[in-house]
Amino acid sequence: MKSNDRVAALGHISPATMPDVANDGFRWVILLAIWSAFTVSCVDRFAWSSIAALAGRSLGFDLALLGSLTTAFYVGYTVSCPIGGVMADKFGSRTTLGISMFPLAALTFGFSFVQTFWAAIALHVLMGVAAGSEYGATIKILTVWFAKDKGRAFGIWATGTSVSVVLANALVPRIAIAYGWHTAYQILGVATLVISAVCVLIVRDAPTGHSVPRTSGAQVALLLRNRNVILVALGGAGALYGTLGFVAWASALLTVAHELSPMVAGSVLMWFGGGAFLSKPLFGWLYDALHRYAKAIAVVDLVFFIALLMAFGECSSTFGYFLIALFLGAAAYGYTPLLIGLYTQASGPRLAGAAAGFVNTIWSVGSFVSPILAGYVFAHGRSLELTLGVIAAGPLIGALFLCCVRQLPTRASPGLPHVSS
């Protein structure tokens, strides 16, 4: 038996064996709870970016160093993602959520008392460590609780990033201006604590009457040799390379290369964000309806992503930018629930946490590299077309990796074991 087949056999669940009927209503309550926890953790993540200039000036930080705090957060986040995933498989998702979210609340509140640059860096690293542990636990919960609606659950949950960007930029600066940036972080800390407590009280590791078997180190090691998980990880890294590269430089590309006003550029990117928000549940629904073709849909989406990037570069009218931005946002984020569905299908629910942590760590590499490389190309050539071409290389490589993913067998396989009474 091949290694990825053996990993899938460790706990792959077919829709027929998943106990959705008895727990149908409660699973949507759980989805709302973990969506809320994920959203508030993302607001904590994006809060610094929204008030960096204001808080940095108050603290006396060098303007050039303000972005270092965001980088510090992602360093901690990347390190903790695989650790949190393994913890979710070994000790349970609910326990891992508590271990992740409660320290994040305390660290966010504690950041309001920071005085020095290095203390701010250290706290952001620790905040990233706390937040990163949540990802694997969340994916495992959705994989265990949802079967036929798994794609929709992933898609709805993934909208938390879009909502959190809006909340962070709409609320945090207003609170900081009115009451001080210290108060903004204290309010965020309290909000994170309250939502975390509600989430941990509501969430259960598995539906009533079922249990999730714990994993061993040998099973996790086997997962890391799973061909499909590795290919989806590499494919997603390429896709996110394109998404984050565009997001990081879109405003500069529009204002510098095409001399649009910052206000118009911001409006264009709002349409991009709207497309991204709508696409996640839509593509999640496509995964549920056409899960046999999830790989093909993801590849087609990335091809459209590349084509829309090129069209964006060739566009010369403001109306064209608005029109393309809506569909570009959909293509730039629509693959997310599809890829989560693919790697959790390959890992099975028993190892879904470890798979999520491993894959998200690889995806983060693409997120780190793209803004730096795209920025270097743009700074030296000021060419919108060349910069977008460099960005488009990511989804192209990602699509090639995804083409190599093998379709898993659709025959029934072991489900969650029942708890004996």
Protein backbone atom coordinates (compact mmCIF):
# COMPACT_ATOMS: atom_id res chain seq x y z
CA MET A 1 0.00 0.00 0.00
CA LYS A 2 1.39 3.44 -0.96
CA SER A 3 2.14 5.92 1.80
CA ASN A 4 -0.61 8.41 0.94
CA ASP A 5 -3.17 5.60 0.65
CA ARG A 6 -2.12 4.36 4.09
CA VAL A 7 -2.45 7.86 5.55
CA ALA A 8 -5.90 8.30 4.04
CA ALA A 9 -6.93 4.96 5.50
CA LEU A 10 -6.06 6.19 8.99
CA GLY A 11 -9.29 8.11 9.21
CA HIS A 12 -10.88 9.14 5.92
CA ILE A 13 -14.61 9.71 6.30
CA SER A 14 -17.13 9.25 3.54
CA PRO A 15 -20.30 11.35 3.61
CA ALA A 16 -22.36 8.22 4.27
CA THR A 17 -20.61 7.48 7.53
CA MET A 18 -20.54 10.99 8.98
CA PRO A 19 -23.20 11.58 11.66
CA ASP A 20 -24.57 14.84 10.22
CA VAL A 21 -28.26 14.06 10.76
CA ALA A 22 -28.21 13.87 14.56
CA ASN A 23 -25.88 16.84 14.94
CA ASP A 24 -26.95 18.91 11.93
CA GLY A 25 -28.03 22.04 13.76
CA PHE A 26 -25.27 22.12 16.33
CA ARG A 27 -22.45 21.89 13.79
CA TRP A 28 -23.49 25.28 12.37
CA VAL A 29 -23.35 26.74 15.88
CA ILE A 30 -19.82 25.37 16.17
CA LEU A 31 -18.95 26.90 12.80
CA LEU A 32 -20.19 30.30 14.00
CA ALA A 33 -18.16 29.99 17.20
CA ILE A 34 -14.87 29.10 15.52
CA TRP A 35 -15.49 31.66 12.76
CA SER A 36 -15.82 34.31 15.48
CA ALA A 37 -12.62 33.13 17.17
CA PHE A 38 -10.74 33.09 13.87
CA THR A 39 -12.03 36.54 12.93
CA VAL A 40 -11.04 38.17 16.22
CA SER A 41 -7.60 36.54 16.08
CA CYS A 42 -7.14 38.03 12.60
CA VAL A 43 -8.22 41.45 13.86
CA ASP A 44 -5.51 41.12 16.53
CA ARG A 45 -3.09 40.28 13.72
CA PHE A 46 -4.02 43.23 11.47
CA ALA A 47 -4.49 45.79 14.25
CA TRP A 48 -0.88 46.99 14.24
CA SER A 49 -0.90 47.67 10.49
CA SER A 50 -3.98 49.85 10.87
CA ILE A 51 -2.46 52.13 13.55
CA ALA A 52 1.29 51.59 13.11
CA ALA A 53 2.01 55.24 12.24
CA LEU A 54 -0.05 56.57 15.15
CA ALA A 55 1.23 54.11 17.77
CA GLY A 56 4.80 54.21 16.43
CA ARG A 57 4.92 57.98 16.71
CA SER A 58 3.59 57.80 20.27
CA LEU A 59 6.25 55.23 21.20
CA GLY A 60 9.05 56.99 19.34
CA PHE A 61 9.71 54.08 16.96
CA ASP A 62 11.59 54.69 13.73
CA LEU A 63 9.14 54.81 10.80
CA ALA A 64 11.25 52.38 8.78
CA LEU A 65 10.98 49.76 11.55
CA LEU A 66 7.20 49.74 11.97
CA GLY A 67 6.72 46.90 9.49
CA SER A 68 9.10 44.74 11.52
CA LEU A 69 6.35 44.05 14.04
CA THR A 70 4.13 42.50 11.37
CA THR A 71 7.07 40.37 10.20
CA ALA A 72 7.70 39.31 13.81
CA PHE A 73 4.10 38.18 14.14
CA TYR A 74 4.34 35.99 11.05
CA VAL A 75 7.62 34.47 12.21
CA GLY A 76 5.90 33.24 15.38
CA TYR A 77 2.81 32.23 13.41
CA THR A 78 4.79 30.14 10.93
CA VAL A 79 6.73 28.37 13.67
CA SER A 80 3.63 27.44 15.66
CA CYS A 81 1.34 26.30 12.82
CA PRO A 82 2.75 22.74 12.55
CA ILE A 83 3.07 22.45 16.34
CA GLY A 84 -0.56 23.48 16.85
CA GLY A 85 -1.72 21.06 14.18
CA VAL A 86 0.01 18.11 15.82
CA MET A 87 -1.36 19.19 19.21
CA ALA A 88 -4.90 19.22 17.82
CA ASP A 89 -4.50 15.64 16.57
CA LYS A 90 -2.82 14.43 19.75
CA PHE A 91 -4.65 16.29 22.53
CA GLY A 92 -7.88 17.41 20.87
CA SER A 93 -9.05 20.50 18.98
CA ARG A 94 -10.91 22.08 21.89
CA THR A 95 -7.87 21.88 24.16
CA THR A 96 -5.63 23.32 21.46
CA LEU A 97 -8.06 26.18 20.85
CA GLY A 98 -7.88 27.09 24.53
CA ILE A 99 -4.09 26.86 24.56
CA SER A 100 -4.01 29.18 21.53
CA MET A 101 -6.75 31.75 22.13
CA PHE A 102 -6.43 32.55 25.83
CA PRO A 103 -2.71 33.45 25.62
CA LEU A 104 -3.47 35.50 22.49
CA ALA A 105 -6.03 37.49 24.48
CA ALA A 106 -3.56 38.10 27.31
CA LEU A 107 -0.71 39.05 24.95
CA THR A 108 -2.93 41.42 22.95
CA PHE A 109 -4.05 43.14 26.15
CA GLY A 110 -0.46 43.20 27.43
CA PHE A 111 0.79 44.87 24.25
CA SER A 112 -0.98 48.04 25.36
CA PHE A 113 1.68 48.45 28.06
CA VAL A 114 4.71 48.08 25.79
CA GLN A 115 7.35 50.81 25.99
CA THR A 116 10.34 49.68 23.94
CA PHE A 117 10.81 48.49 20.38
CA TRP A 118 12.32 45.13 21.33
CA ALA A 119 9.52 44.46 23.79
CA ALA A 120 7.06 45.16 20.98
CA ILE A 121 8.91 42.74 18.70
CA ALA A 122 8.97 40.02 21.37
CA LEU A 123 5.25 40.39 22.10
CA HIS A 124 4.38 40.21 18.41
CA VAL A 125 6.41 37.02 18.02
CA LEU A 126 4.53 35.51 20.97
CA MET A 127 1.18 36.71 19.61
CA GLY A 128 2.03 34.97 16.34
CA VAL A 129 2.92 31.77 18.19
CA ALA A 130 -0.44 31.84 20.00
CA ALA A 131 -2.47 32.64 16.86
CA GLY A 132 -0.73 30.04 14.69
CA SER A 133 -1.74 27.17 16.96
CA GLU A 134 -5.41 27.87 16.27
CA TYR A 135 -5.31 27.10 12.53
CA GLY A 136 -4.83 23.34 12.70
CA ALA A 137 -7.40 22.94 15.48
CA THR A 138 -9.99 24.85 13.47
CA ILE A 139 -9.47 22.86 10.29
CA LYS A 140 -9.68 19.61 12.24
CA ILE A 141 -12.97 20.65 13.86
CA LEU A 142 -14.52 21.45 10.48
CA THR A 143 -13.22 18.21 8.97
CA VAL A 144 -14.69 16.12 11.80
CA TRP A 145 -18.06 17.88 12.02
CA PHE A 146 -18.77 18.41 8.32
CA ALA A 147 -18.83 15.94 5.43
CA LYS A 148 -21.20 16.75 2.56
CA ASP A 149 -21.10 20.44 3.53
CA LYS A 150 -17.37 20.53 4.26
CA GLY A 151 -16.53 22.87 1.38
CA ARG A 152 -19.20 25.37 2.40
CA ALA A 153 -17.95 25.25 5.98
CA PHE A 154 -14.38 25.94 4.85
CA GLY A 155 -15.58 28.74 2.57
CA ILE A 156 -17.67 30.45 5.24
CA TRP A 157 -14.90 30.11 7.82
CA ALA A 158 -12.34 31.58 5.39
CA THR A 159 -14.38 34.79 5.07
CA GLY A 160 -13.07 35.63 8.54
CA THR A 161 -9.89 37.05 7.00
CA SER A 162 -11.87 39.42 4.74
CA VAL A 163 -14.17 40.53 7.56
CA SER A 164 -11.25 41.03 9.94
CA VAL A 165 -9.43 43.34 7.50
CA VAL A 166 -12.55 45.53 7.32
CA LEU A 167 -13.02 45.50 11.11
CA ALA A 168 -9.35 46.20 11.83
CA ASN A 169 -9.25 49.19 9.50
CA ALA A 170 -12.72 50.52 10.35
CA LEU A 171 -12.73 50.20 14.14
CA VAL A 172 -9.18 50.08 15.53
CA PRO A 173 -8.02 53.47 14.14
CA ARG A 174 -11.21 55.17 15.34
CA ILE A 175 -10.81 53.79 18.85
CA ALA A 176 -7.11 54.73 18.83
CA ILE A 177 -7.82 58.31 17.76
CA ALA A 178 -10.68 58.74 20.24
CA TYR A 179 -9.20 56.98 23.30
CA GLY A 180 -5.57 56.18 22.51
CA TRP A 181 -3.92 53.17 20.88
CA HIS A 182 -3.37 51.57 24.31
CA THR A 183 -7.14 51.44 24.83
CA ALA A 184 -7.64 49.93 21.38
CA TYR A 185 -5.41 46.99 22.25
CA GLN A 186 -7.02 46.58 25.66
CA ILE A 187 -10.47 46.40 24.08
CA LEU A 188 -9.16 43.87 21.55
CA GLY A 189 -7.68 41.78 24.36
CA VAL A 190 -10.96 41.70 26.28
CA ALA A 191 -12.96 40.93 23.12
CA THR A 192 -10.58 38.07 22.29
CA LEU A 193 -10.92 36.69 25.82
CA VAL A 194 -14.73 36.76 25.75
CA ILE A 195 -15.03 35.17 22.28
CA SER A 196 -12.39 32.57 23.18
CA ALA A 197 -14.28 31.58 26.33
CA VAL A 198 -17.56 31.24 24.42
CA CYS A 199 -15.83 29.24 21.68
CA VAL A 200 -14.17 26.79 24.07
CA LEU A 201 -17.43 26.32 26.01
CA ILE A 202 -19.39 25.54 22.83
CA VAL A 203 -16.94 23.50 20.77
CA ARG A 204 -16.70 19.74 21.11
CA ASP A 205 -14.06 17.60 19.43
CA ALA A 206 -16.61 15.29 17.79
CA PRO A 207 -20.38 14.88 17.40
CA THR A 208 -22.31 13.25 20.23
CA GLY A 209 -21.72 9.51 20.41
CA HIS A 210 -18.47 9.62 18.43
CA SER A 211 -14.81 10.10 19.25
CA VAL A 212 -11.71 11.18 17.34
CA PRO A 213 -8.79 8.75 17.72
CA ARG A 214 -5.53 10.38 18.85
CA THR A 215 -2.47 10.20 16.64
CA SER A 216 1.04 8.91 17.17
CA GLY A 217 4.35 10.35 16.07
CA ALA A 218 4.70 7.57 13.50
CA GLN A 219 1.39 8.55 11.89
CA VAL A 220 2.44 12.19 11.69
CA ALA A 221 5.75 11.15 10.10
CA LEU A 222 3.79 9.11 7.57
CA LEU A 223 1.66 12.14 6.77
CA LEU A 224 4.78 14.13 5.83
CA ARG A 225 5.42 11.57 3.08
CA ASN A 226 1.87 11.84 1.72
CA ARG A 227 2.25 12.77 -1.95
CA ASN A 228 -1.05 14.61 -2.26
CA VAL A 229 -0.56 16.66 0.91
CA ILE A 230 2.90 17.75 -0.26
CA LEU A 231 1.66 18.67 -3.74
CA VAL A 232 -1.29 20.68 -2.38
CA ALA A 233 1.11 22.43 0.02
CA LEU A 234 3.41 23.41 -2.86
CA GLY A 235 0.51 24.31 -5.13
CA GLY A 236 -1.04 26.52 -2.46
CA ALA A 237 2.30 28.21 -1.81
CA GLY A 238 2.42 29.23 -5.47
CA ALA A 239 -1.19 30.42 -5.39
CA LEU A 240 -0.68 32.48 -2.22
CA TYR A 241 2.55 33.86 -3.68
CA GLY A 242 0.38 35.42 -6.38
CA THR A 243 -2.39 36.54 -4.04
CA LEU A 244 -0.18 38.20 -1.42
CA GLY A 245 2.13 39.67 -4.02
CA PHE A 246 -0.79 41.44 -5.67
CA VAL A 247 -2.35 42.53 -2.37
CA ALA A 248 0.96 43.95 -1.12
CA TRP A 249 1.67 46.02 -4.23
CA ALA A 250 -1.68 46.67 -5.93
CA SER A 251 -2.12 50.16 -4.47
CA ALA A 252 1.43 51.19 -5.37
CA LEU A 253 1.06 49.74 -8.86
CA LEU A 254 -2.09 51.77 -9.45
CA THR A 255 -0.89 55.04 -7.93
CA VAL A 256 2.68 55.03 -9.28
CA ALA A 257 2.48 53.18 -12.58
CA HIS A 258 -0.92 54.51 -13.67
CA GLU A 259 -1.07 57.66 -11.53
CA LEU A 260 -4.47 56.98 -10.01
CA SER A 261 -5.30 58.86 -6.84
CA PRO A 262 -4.94 56.91 -3.58
CA MET A 263 -8.69 57.25 -3.07
CA VAL A 264 -9.54 55.72 -6.45
CA ALA A 265 -6.93 52.99 -5.95
CA GLY A 266 -8.47 52.20 -2.57
CA SER A 267 -11.93 51.98 -4.13
CA VAL A 268 -10.63 49.56 -6.77
CA LEU A 269 -9.17 47.36 -4.05
CA MET A 270 -12.48 47.43 -2.17
CA TRP A 271 -14.03 45.74 -5.22
CA PHE A 272 -11.15 43.26 -5.16
CA GLY A 273 -11.97 42.53 -1.50
CA GLY A 274 -15.65 42.14 -2.32
CA GLY A 275 -14.86 39.53 -4.95
CA ALA A 276 -12.61 37.72 -2.49
CA PHE A 277 -15.32 37.66 0.19
CA LEU A 278 -18.01 36.30 -2.13
CA SER A 279 -15.78 33.72 -3.79
CA LYS A 280 -14.89 31.72 -0.68
CA PRO A 281 -18.36 30.32 0.15
CA LEU A 282 -19.13 30.06 -3.59
CA PHE A 283 -16.08 27.90 -4.29
CA GLY A 284 -16.80 25.98 -1.09
CA TRP A 285 -20.22 25.14 -2.51
CA LEU A 286 -18.53 24.03 -5.74
CA TYR A 287 -16.30 21.70 -3.72
CA ASP A 288 -19.34 20.09 -2.12
CA ALA A 289 -21.21 19.76 -5.41
CA LEU A 290 -18.24 18.68 -7.54
CA HIS A 291 -15.69 17.33 -5.06
CA ARG A 292 -14.49 14.77 -7.62
CA TYR A 293 -13.37 17.69 -9.77
CA ALA A 294 -11.99 19.92 -7.01
CA LYS A 295 -8.46 19.69 -8.37
CA ALA A 296 -9.57 20.66 -11.88
CA ILE A 297 -11.65 23.58 -10.58
CA ALA A 298 -8.68 24.84 -8.56
CA VAL A 299 -6.39 24.64 -11.59
CA VAL A 300 -8.90 26.46 -13.80
CA ASP A 301 -9.28 29.13 -11.11
CA LEU A 302 -5.51 29.70 -11.05
CA VAL A 303 -5.44 29.94 -14.86
CA PHE A 304 -8.12 32.63 -14.67
CA PHE A 305 -6.11 34.32 -11.90
CA ILE A 306 -3.09 34.54 -14.23
CA ALA A 307 -5.21 35.82 -17.14
CA LEU A 308 -6.84 38.48 -14.96
CA LEU A 309 -3.46 39.64 -13.66
CA MET A 310 -2.33 40.12 -17.25
CA ALA A 311 -5.58 41.92 -18.12
CA PHE A 312 -5.12 44.16 -15.10
CA GLY A 313 -1.66 45.07 -16.35
CA GLU A 314 -2.92 45.91 -19.83
CA CYS A 315 -5.94 47.88 -18.61
CA SER A 316 -5.92 51.64 -19.21
CA SER A 317 -9.33 52.78 -17.93
CA THR A 318 -10.59 53.33 -14.40
CA PHE A 319 -13.84 51.51 -15.16
CA GLY A 320 -11.81 48.56 -16.44
CA TYR A 321 -9.85 48.40 -13.19
CA PHE A 322 -13.07 48.26 -11.17
CA LEU A 323 -14.54 45.54 -13.39
CA ILE A 324 -11.41 43.38 -13.45
CA ALA A 325 -10.79 43.84 -9.70
CA LEU A 326 -14.07 42.15 -8.75
CA PHE A 327 -13.27 38.98 -10.71
CA LEU A 328 -9.59 39.16 -9.84
CA GLY A 329 -10.46 39.12 -6.13
CA ALA A 330 -12.67 36.06 -6.68
CA ALA A 331 -9.93 34.20 -8.55
CA ALA A 332 -7.20 35.26 -6.11
CA TYR A 333 -8.99 33.71 -3.12
CA GLY A 334 -11.52 31.24 -4.52
CA TYR A 335 -9.09 28.33 -4.49
CA THR A 336 -8.79 28.45 -0.67
CA PRO A 337 -11.69 26.11 0.31
CA LEU A 338 -10.84 23.84 -2.62
CA LEU A 339 -7.26 23.31 -1.48
CA ILE A 340 -8.28 22.83 2.16
CA GLY A 341 -10.76 20.23 0.98
CA LEU A 342 -8.07 18.47 -1.08
CA TYR A 343 -5.49 18.17 1.69
CA THR A 344 -8.00 17.16 4.37
CA GLN A 345 -9.34 14.55 1.95
CA ALA A 346 -5.80 13.24 1.58
CA SER A 347 -5.02 13.23 5.31
CA GLY A 348 -8.36 12.06 6.71
CA PRO A 349 -9.89 13.60 9.86
CA ARG A 350 -7.52 11.88 12.28
CA LEU A 351 -4.53 13.78 10.85
CA ALA A 352 -6.37 16.88 9.62
CA GLY A 353 -4.78 19.11 12.26
CA ALA A 354 -1.21 18.09 11.47
CA ALA A 355 -1.92 18.36 7.74
CA ALA A 356 -3.32 21.86 8.17
CA GLY A 357 -0.33 22.98 10.22
CA PHE A 358 2.18 21.53 7.77
CA VAL A 359 0.43 22.89 4.67
CA ASN A 360 -0.12 26.35 6.14
CA THR A 361 3.57 26.58 7.02
CA ILE A 362 4.54 25.86 3.41
CA TRP A 363 1.91 28.32 2.19
CA SER A 364 3.44 31.01 4.40
CA VAL A 365 6.70 30.75 2.47
CA GLY A 366 4.95 31.98 -0.66
CA SER A 367 3.38 34.78 1.36
CA PHE A 368 6.81 35.92 2.59
CA VAL A 369 8.70 35.73 -0.70
CA SER A 370 6.26 37.34 -3.11
CA PRO A 371 5.97 40.90 -1.68
CA ILE A 372 9.77 41.15 -1.45
CA LEU A 373 10.44 39.88 -4.96
CA ALA A 374 7.61 41.85 -6.58
CA GLY A 375 8.76 44.98 -4.76
CA TYR A 376 12.32 44.53 -5.99
CA VAL A 377 11.18 44.17 -9.61
CA PHE A 378 8.82 47.14 -9.39
CA ALA A 379 11.38 49.38 -7.68
CA HIS A 380 13.96 48.73 -10.39
CA GLY A 381 11.73 48.93 -13.43
CA ARG A 382 8.53 50.74 -12.43
CA SER A 383 6.82 48.39 -14.88
CA LEU A 384 3.29 47.31 -14.02
CA GLU A 385 3.30 44.54 -16.64
CA LEU A 386 6.67 43.08 -15.57
CA THR A 387 5.76 43.19 -11.87
CA LEU A 388 2.43 41.46 -12.51
CA GLY A 389 4.26 38.90 -14.65
CA VAL A 390 6.54 38.07 -11.71
CA ILE A 391 3.47 37.78 -9.46
CA ALA A 392 1.69 35.55 -12.00
CA ALA A 393 4.59 33.08 -11.95
CA GLY A 394 3.35 31.87 -8.54
CA PRO A 395 -0.11 30.68 -9.57
CA LEU A 396 1.37 29.20 -12.75
CA ILE A 397 3.77 27.04 -10.74
CA GLY A 398 0.98 26.30 -8.26
CA ALA A 399 -1.31 25.07 -11.03
CA LEU A 400 1.43 22.74 -12.33
CA PHE A 401 1.86 21.18 -8.87
CA LEU A 402 -1.90 20.73 -8.47
CA CYS A 403 -2.10 18.96 -11.84
CA CYS A 404 0.03 16.20 -10.28
CA VAL A 405 -2.38 15.58 -7.38
CA ARG A 406 -3.94 12.12 -7.64
CA GLN A 407 -7.65 11.65 -7.23
CA LEU A 408 -8.35 9.69 -4.05
CA PRO A 409 -10.68 6.69 -4.28
CA THR A 410 -14.28 7.53 -3.48
CA ARG A 411 -15.20 4.19 -1.94
CA ALA A 412 -16.46 4.19 1.62
CA SER A 413 -13.81 4.19 4.30
CA PRO A 414 -13.77 4.08 8.07
CA GLY A 415 -15.64 6.87 9.81
CA LEU A 416 -15.46 8.18 13.33
CA PRO A 417 -15.71 5.39 15.86
CA HIS A 418 -18.76 5.34 18.09
CA VAL A 419 -18.32 5.79 21.82
CA SER A 420 -19.63 2.72 23.60
CA SER A 421 -22.29 3.41 26.19
